[in-house]
Amino acid sequence: MGAAAEKKSLMREFYKHCVAPVLPETLAWKLRFYSKHDYWPDLTHPRSLMEKIVWLLRHDRAPLRALVADRCKVRDFVAQRAPECKMPAHLWVGKEFTREVWDKLPAKFVIKGNHGSQMSHIVDKSKDSFETVKAETVQWLNTNYEDLLGEWVYASADRVLVVEEKLELNAIIPPDWKFICGNGRVLIVQLDIGRFVNHVRNLYDRDFKLYEGATIAFPLGPKVEKPQGWDKAVAIAEKLAAPFDLIRVDLYLIDGEIYFGELTNYPGAGWDALKPTELDFELGSKIKLHAPS
């Protein structure tokens, strides 16, 4: 676990065990929000992007959100809505990661927990041991991710492990392109580079214009050229986002081909600060939330 992820995990644990139990629920949410964003939120009539993420997390219980949070079930959803989007091969799915499973897998692969976020390990057998990876998977399987920040979508997900092929671009891990969409339209795109080492992040609009100096939670990264297949990726993101008021579509752009990563219902659970704050409110103004049924 990287330093940023470890810090975030500790903050979640502090909130869960020390803050949430002793305060009224809404006040606890507001204090947590203020501590990160430096403005007092309106969680009844949300205005900013981050307020609206929190509102959805607390109020929206659409069954489709739970379906797309499941790393296995979402594949049919993607195939139906955007068949042109490629998906990394699933090499194994199961409840117990054994030595026999390890031996049958290739030298490099990605293993993930199906029932939560931030449960992912890019494995290189020349550097990682079976025992280390096994121990990590046991920790994942014993974690109820819903308890951490109330992300209810993971409550019904099968508590299994998923092994995927490792995607590469020029022999390295490809950048993550994360398309935040409101009412079926791409509003802003995160480019994440070096997620596991020296994580940096830039923000772009749907036309690949860089938001100079703006970022969400991580330091700014280097400027990059517009990737091959950008327009295709935007179109795929909007197809997958169409049923939702607000969702993030994570894709990989590799040599003109678009690969599916995941659908993220509540980016950062509304915890990650978007700076400048004016941009947070500008993006939020473009999203219309519908009252949950």
Protein backbone atom coordinates (compact mmCIF):
# COMPACT_ATOMS: atom_id res chain seq x y z
CA MET A 1 0.00 0.00 0.00
CA GLY A 2 1.38 3.40 -0.99
CA ALA A 3 1.72 6.30 1.45
CA ALA A 4 -1.34 8.13 0.10
CA ALA A 5 -3.51 5.01 0.23
CA GLU A 6 -2.27 4.23 3.74
CA LYS A 7 -3.09 7.76 4.91
CA LYS A 8 -6.54 7.51 3.38
CA SER A 9 -7.12 4.15 5.06
CA LEU A 10 -6.12 5.57 8.46
CA MET A 11 -8.43 8.55 7.99
CA ARG A 12 -11.29 6.22 7.14
CA GLU A 13 -10.63 4.14 10.23
CA PHE A 14 -10.48 7.27 12.40
CA TYR A 15 -13.76 8.50 10.97
CA LYS A 16 -15.41 5.10 11.37
CA HIS A 17 -14.34 4.42 14.96
CA CYS A 18 -13.85 7.87 16.51
CA VAL A 19 -16.06 10.37 14.71
CA ALA A 20 -19.12 8.66 13.28
CA PRO A 21 -20.19 6.81 16.48
CA VAL A 22 -20.46 9.93 18.67
CA LEU A 23 -22.08 12.50 16.37
CA PRO A 24 -25.41 12.71 14.55
CA GLU A 25 -24.96 11.11 11.16
CA THR A 26 -25.46 14.24 9.05
CA LEU A 27 -23.16 16.34 11.22
CA ALA A 28 -20.47 13.65 11.05
CA TRP A 29 -20.69 13.65 7.25
CA LYS A 30 -20.49 17.45 7.13
CA LEU A 31 -17.47 17.61 9.41
CA ARG A 32 -15.67 14.97 7.39
CA PHE A 33 -16.49 16.85 4.21
CA TYR A 34 -15.35 20.22 5.58
CA SER A 35 -12.07 18.76 6.81
CA LYS A 36 -11.15 17.83 3.26
CA HIS A 37 -12.77 20.48 1.08
CA ASP A 38 -12.52 23.62 3.23
CA TYR A 39 -16.16 24.61 2.69
CA TRP A 40 -19.30 23.70 4.62
CA PRO A 41 -21.45 21.41 2.48
CA ASP A 42 -25.14 21.54 1.71
CA LEU A 43 -26.05 17.85 1.70
CA THR A 44 -29.78 18.50 1.31
CA HIS A 45 -29.52 20.62 -1.83
CA PRO A 46 -26.06 19.72 -3.19
CA ARG A 47 -24.38 22.23 -5.47
CA SER A 48 -20.80 21.13 -6.14
CA LEU A 49 -19.58 17.94 -7.80
CA MET A 50 -18.30 16.55 -4.51
CA GLU A 51 -21.50 17.40 -2.64
CA LYS A 52 -23.47 15.56 -5.32
CA ILE A 53 -21.26 12.49 -5.03
CA VAL A 54 -21.96 12.42 -1.29
CA TRP A 55 -25.69 12.95 -1.87
CA LEU A 56 -25.83 9.98 -4.22
CA LEU A 57 -23.85 7.83 -1.82
CA ARG A 58 -26.31 8.58 0.98
CA HIS A 59 -29.57 8.48 -0.98
CA ASP A 60 -29.41 6.62 -4.30
CA ARG A 61 -30.08 2.86 -4.05
CA ALA A 62 -30.62 2.07 -7.73
CA PRO A 63 -29.97 -1.68 -8.25
CA LEU A 64 -28.02 -0.94 -11.44
CA ARG A 65 -25.33 0.77 -9.36
CA ALA A 66 -24.75 -2.43 -7.39
CA LEU A 67 -24.59 -4.45 -10.59
CA VAL A 68 -21.93 -2.29 -12.23
CA ALA A 69 -19.85 -2.23 -9.03
CA ASP A 70 -19.42 -6.00 -9.38
CA ARG A 71 -16.28 -6.69 -11.44
CA CYS A 72 -17.82 -9.82 -12.93
CA LYS A 73 -21.42 -8.75 -13.56
CA VAL A 74 -20.42 -5.41 -15.10
CA ARG A 75 -18.84 -7.17 -18.07
CA ASP A 76 -22.23 -8.06 -19.56
CA PHE A 77 -23.38 -4.45 -19.07
CA VAL A 78 -20.33 -3.17 -20.97
CA ALA A 79 -20.70 -5.73 -23.75
CA GLN A 80 -24.32 -4.72 -24.31
CA ARG A 81 -23.91 -0.94 -24.17
CA ALA A 82 -20.48 -0.54 -25.81
CA PRO A 83 -19.46 -3.73 -27.62
CA GLU A 84 -16.56 -1.88 -29.24
CA CYS A 85 -14.94 -1.53 -25.82
CA LYS A 86 -12.43 -4.30 -25.15
CA MET A 87 -12.10 -5.95 -21.74
CA PRO A 88 -9.04 -7.49 -20.08
CA ALA A 89 -9.35 -11.26 -19.99
CA HIS A 90 -10.40 -12.85 -16.72
CA LEU A 91 -7.83 -15.55 -15.98
CA TRP A 92 -9.36 -16.85 -12.76
CA VAL A 93 -12.20 -16.09 -10.34
CA GLY A 94 -12.48 -17.77 -6.95
CA LYS A 95 -12.76 -17.52 -3.18
CA GLU A 96 -9.36 -18.88 -2.21
CA PHE A 97 -6.05 -18.01 -3.80
CA THR A 98 -4.05 -21.22 -3.59
CA ARG A 99 -0.57 -22.28 -4.61
CA GLU A 100 -2.13 -24.34 -7.39
CA VAL A 101 -3.86 -21.24 -8.78
CA TRP A 102 -0.62 -19.26 -8.48
CA ASP A 103 1.37 -21.85 -10.40
CA LYS A 104 -1.07 -21.81 -13.32
CA LEU A 105 -1.05 -18.04 -13.76
CA PRO A 106 1.36 -16.16 -16.07
CA ALA A 107 4.45 -14.33 -14.84
CA LYS A 108 2.50 -11.05 -14.62
CA PHE A 109 -1.16 -10.50 -13.81
CA VAL A 110 -3.53 -8.28 -11.83
CA ILE A 111 -5.49 -9.60 -8.86
CA LYS A 112 -8.44 -7.71 -7.38
CA GLY A 113 -11.11 -8.05 -4.75
CA ASN A 114 -14.59 -8.08 -6.23
CA HIS A 115 -16.33 -6.49 -3.25
CA GLY A 116 -14.56 -3.17 -2.77
CA SER A 117 -12.33 -0.41 -4.06
CA GLN A 118 -8.55 -0.16 -3.59
CA MET A 119 -8.26 -3.95 -3.53
CA SER A 120 -5.82 -4.44 -6.37
CA HIS A 121 -2.27 -5.75 -6.83
CA ILE A 122 -0.24 -5.83 -10.03
CA VAL A 123 1.72 -9.02 -9.58
CA ASP A 124 5.14 -9.81 -11.01
CA LYS A 125 6.22 -13.29 -9.96
CA SER A 126 9.87 -12.30 -10.24
CA LYS A 127 9.32 -9.75 -7.46
CA ASP A 128 6.23 -10.91 -5.56
CA SER A 129 5.95 -14.12 -3.59
CA PHE A 130 2.90 -16.32 -3.37
CA GLU A 131 2.85 -15.90 0.40
CA THR A 132 2.75 -12.08 0.19
CA VAL A 133 -0.01 -12.00 -2.40
CA LYS A 134 -1.97 -14.68 -0.55
CA ALA A 135 -1.81 -12.69 2.71
CA GLU A 136 -3.09 -9.58 0.94
CA THR A 137 -6.04 -11.46 -0.57
CA VAL A 138 -6.98 -12.85 2.84
CA GLN A 139 -7.06 -9.29 4.19
CA TRP A 140 -9.33 -8.21 1.33
CA LEU A 141 -11.72 -11.11 1.86
CA ASN A 142 -11.99 -10.23 5.53
CA THR A 143 -12.81 -6.57 4.78
CA ASN A 144 -16.38 -5.32 4.66
CA TYR A 145 -15.82 -2.33 2.40
CA GLU A 146 -19.34 -1.02 2.94
CA ASP A 147 -18.45 -0.28 6.57
CA LEU A 148 -15.59 2.06 5.68
CA LEU A 149 -17.50 4.91 4.05
CA GLY A 150 -21.00 3.53 3.56
CA GLU A 151 -20.51 2.43 -0.06
CA TRP A 152 -23.57 0.18 -0.04
CA VAL A 153 -23.04 -1.00 -3.63
CA TYR A 154 -20.45 -3.51 -2.44
CA ALA A 155 -22.73 -5.17 0.13
CA SER A 156 -24.28 -7.55 -2.40
CA ALA A 157 -21.13 -8.19 -4.47
CA ASP A 158 -19.78 -11.72 -4.35
CA ARG A 159 -16.82 -11.81 -1.99
CA VAL A 160 -14.44 -13.37 -4.50
CA LEU A 161 -11.06 -12.65 -6.05
CA VAL A 162 -10.64 -11.80 -9.73
CA VAL A 163 -7.44 -12.25 -11.73
CA GLU A 164 -7.12 -10.28 -14.96
CA GLU A 165 -4.50 -10.13 -17.65
CA LYS A 166 -1.99 -7.33 -17.16
CA LEU A 167 -2.37 -4.61 -19.77
CA GLU A 168 0.76 -2.80 -20.94
CA LEU A 169 1.60 0.20 -23.11
CA ASN A 170 5.20 0.37 -24.32
CA ALA A 171 6.06 -2.35 -21.77
CA ILE A 172 4.78 -0.34 -18.80
CA ILE A 173 1.47 -0.03 -16.96
CA PRO A 174 -0.79 2.18 -19.10
CA PRO A 175 -2.11 5.47 -17.71
CA ASP A 176 -5.60 5.43 -16.21
CA TRP A 177 -8.12 7.67 -17.95
CA LYS A 178 -11.11 8.33 -15.67
CA PHE A 179 -14.09 10.00 -17.33
CA ILE A 180 -16.41 11.69 -14.82
CA CYS A 181 -19.80 11.95 -16.47
CA GLY A 182 -22.94 13.86 -15.55
CA ASN A 183 -26.27 12.96 -17.13
CA GLY A 184 -24.50 10.90 -19.78
CA ARG A 185 -21.94 13.50 -20.83
CA VAL A 186 -18.23 13.61 -20.05
CA LEU A 187 -17.58 16.62 -17.83
CA ILE A 188 -13.97 16.16 -16.75
CA VAL A 189 -11.30 13.52 -17.23
CA GLN A 190 -8.63 12.47 -14.75
CA LEU A 191 -5.34 11.24 -16.10
CA ASP A 192 -3.62 9.11 -13.45
CA ILE A 193 0.03 8.21 -13.98
CA GLY A 194 2.11 6.06 -11.65
CA ARG A 195 -0.74 4.97 -9.42
CA PHE A 196 1.52 2.66 -7.46
CA VAL A 197 4.70 4.79 -7.54
CA ASN A 198 4.83 8.61 -7.51
CA HIS A 199 1.13 9.00 -8.31
CA VAL A 200 0.34 12.21 -10.23
CA ARG A 201 -2.88 13.44 -11.80
CA ASN A 202 -4.00 15.99 -14.40
CA LEU A 203 -7.52 17.05 -15.38
CA TYR A 204 -8.84 17.58 -18.92
CA ASP A 205 -12.18 18.48 -20.46
CA ARG A 206 -13.91 16.24 -23.01
CA ASP A 207 -12.05 18.06 -25.85
CA PHE A 208 -8.69 17.32 -24.20
CA LYS A 209 -8.11 20.83 -22.96
CA LEU A 210 -5.97 20.78 -19.82
CA TYR A 211 -7.36 22.42 -16.69
CA GLU A 212 -4.20 24.32 -15.80
CA GLY A 213 -3.32 23.98 -12.13
CA ALA A 214 -6.42 21.92 -11.27
CA THR A 215 -6.28 18.51 -9.68
CA ILE A 216 -8.09 16.09 -7.41
CA ALA A 217 -6.16 14.94 -4.34
CA PHE A 218 -2.80 14.29 -6.04
CA PRO A 219 0.08 16.44 -7.36
CA LEU A 220 0.01 17.68 -10.93
CA GLY A 221 1.65 15.49 -13.54
CA PRO A 222 3.45 16.25 -16.79
CA LYS A 223 1.58 17.40 -19.85
CA VAL A 224 0.95 14.63 -22.38
CA GLU A 225 -0.06 14.44 -26.00
CA LYS A 226 -3.66 13.67 -26.89
CA PRO A 227 -3.82 9.87 -26.94
CA GLN A 228 -4.80 7.87 -29.98
CA GLY A 229 -8.45 6.90 -29.78
CA TRP A 230 -9.50 9.83 -27.57
CA ASP A 231 -12.78 10.58 -29.37
CA LYS A 232 -13.67 6.89 -29.35
CA ALA A 233 -12.99 6.73 -25.61
CA VAL A 234 -15.24 9.75 -24.95
CA ALA A 235 -18.04 8.12 -26.94
CA ILE A 236 -17.68 4.83 -25.05
CA ALA A 237 -17.63 6.61 -21.69
CA GLU A 238 -20.86 8.41 -22.54
CA LYS A 239 -22.56 5.22 -23.66
CA LEU A 240 -21.69 3.50 -20.39
CA ALA A 241 -22.63 6.55 -18.31
CA ALA A 242 -25.99 7.15 -19.98
CA PRO A 243 -28.18 5.41 -17.34
CA PHE A 244 -26.67 7.40 -14.45
CA ASP A 245 -26.95 10.97 -13.18
CA LEU A 246 -23.30 10.82 -12.16
CA ILE A 247 -20.67 8.11 -12.55
CA ARG A 248 -16.99 7.72 -13.42
CA VAL A 249 -15.96 5.51 -16.31
CA ASP A 250 -12.38 4.22 -16.05
CA LEU A 251 -10.74 3.26 -19.33
CA TYR A 252 -7.33 2.42 -20.75
CA LEU A 253 -6.29 3.79 -24.16
CA ILE A 254 -3.76 1.47 -25.78
CA ASP A 255 -2.63 1.94 -29.39
CA GLY A 256 -6.02 3.25 -30.47
CA GLU A 257 -7.97 0.51 -28.70
CA ILE A 258 -10.15 1.22 -25.67
CA TYR A 259 -10.13 -1.19 -22.74
CA PHE A 260 -12.59 -1.18 -19.88
CA GLY A 261 -11.30 -0.64 -16.35
CA GLU A 262 -14.31 -0.21 -14.09
CA LEU A 263 -17.34 1.92 -13.34
CA THR A 264 -16.94 3.97 -10.16
CA ASN A 265 -20.26 5.00 -8.63
CA TYR A 266 -18.89 7.40 -6.02
CA PRO A 267 -15.44 8.70 -6.97
CA GLY A 268 -13.43 8.99 -3.78
CA ALA A 269 -16.77 8.75 -1.91
CA GLY A 270 -16.77 12.54 -2.24
CA TRP A 271 -13.72 12.65 0.02
CA ASP A 272 -11.04 13.69 -2.49
CA ALA A 273 -10.73 17.46 -2.79
CA LEU A 274 -11.12 19.07 -6.20
CA LYS A 275 -9.11 22.25 -6.45
CA PRO A 276 -9.75 25.02 -7.25
CA THR A 277 -13.08 24.97 -5.40
CA GLU A 278 -14.62 27.12 -8.14
CA LEU A 279 -14.19 24.22 -10.56
CA ASP A 280 -15.88 21.88 -8.09
CA PHE A 281 -18.96 24.12 -8.12
CA GLU A 282 -18.80 24.74 -11.88
CA LEU A 283 -18.91 21.02 -12.61
CA GLY A 284 -21.61 20.43 -10.02
CA SER A 285 -23.84 23.02 -11.69
CA LYS A 286 -23.84 20.90 -14.85
CA ILE A 287 -25.29 17.81 -13.15
CA LYS A 288 -29.00 17.33 -12.54
CA LEU A 289 -29.76 14.79 -9.84
CA HIS A 290 -33.07 12.95 -9.87
CA ALA A 291 -34.73 12.01 -6.59
CA PRO A 292 -34.19 8.29 -5.86
CA SER A 293 -37.24 6.10 -6.30
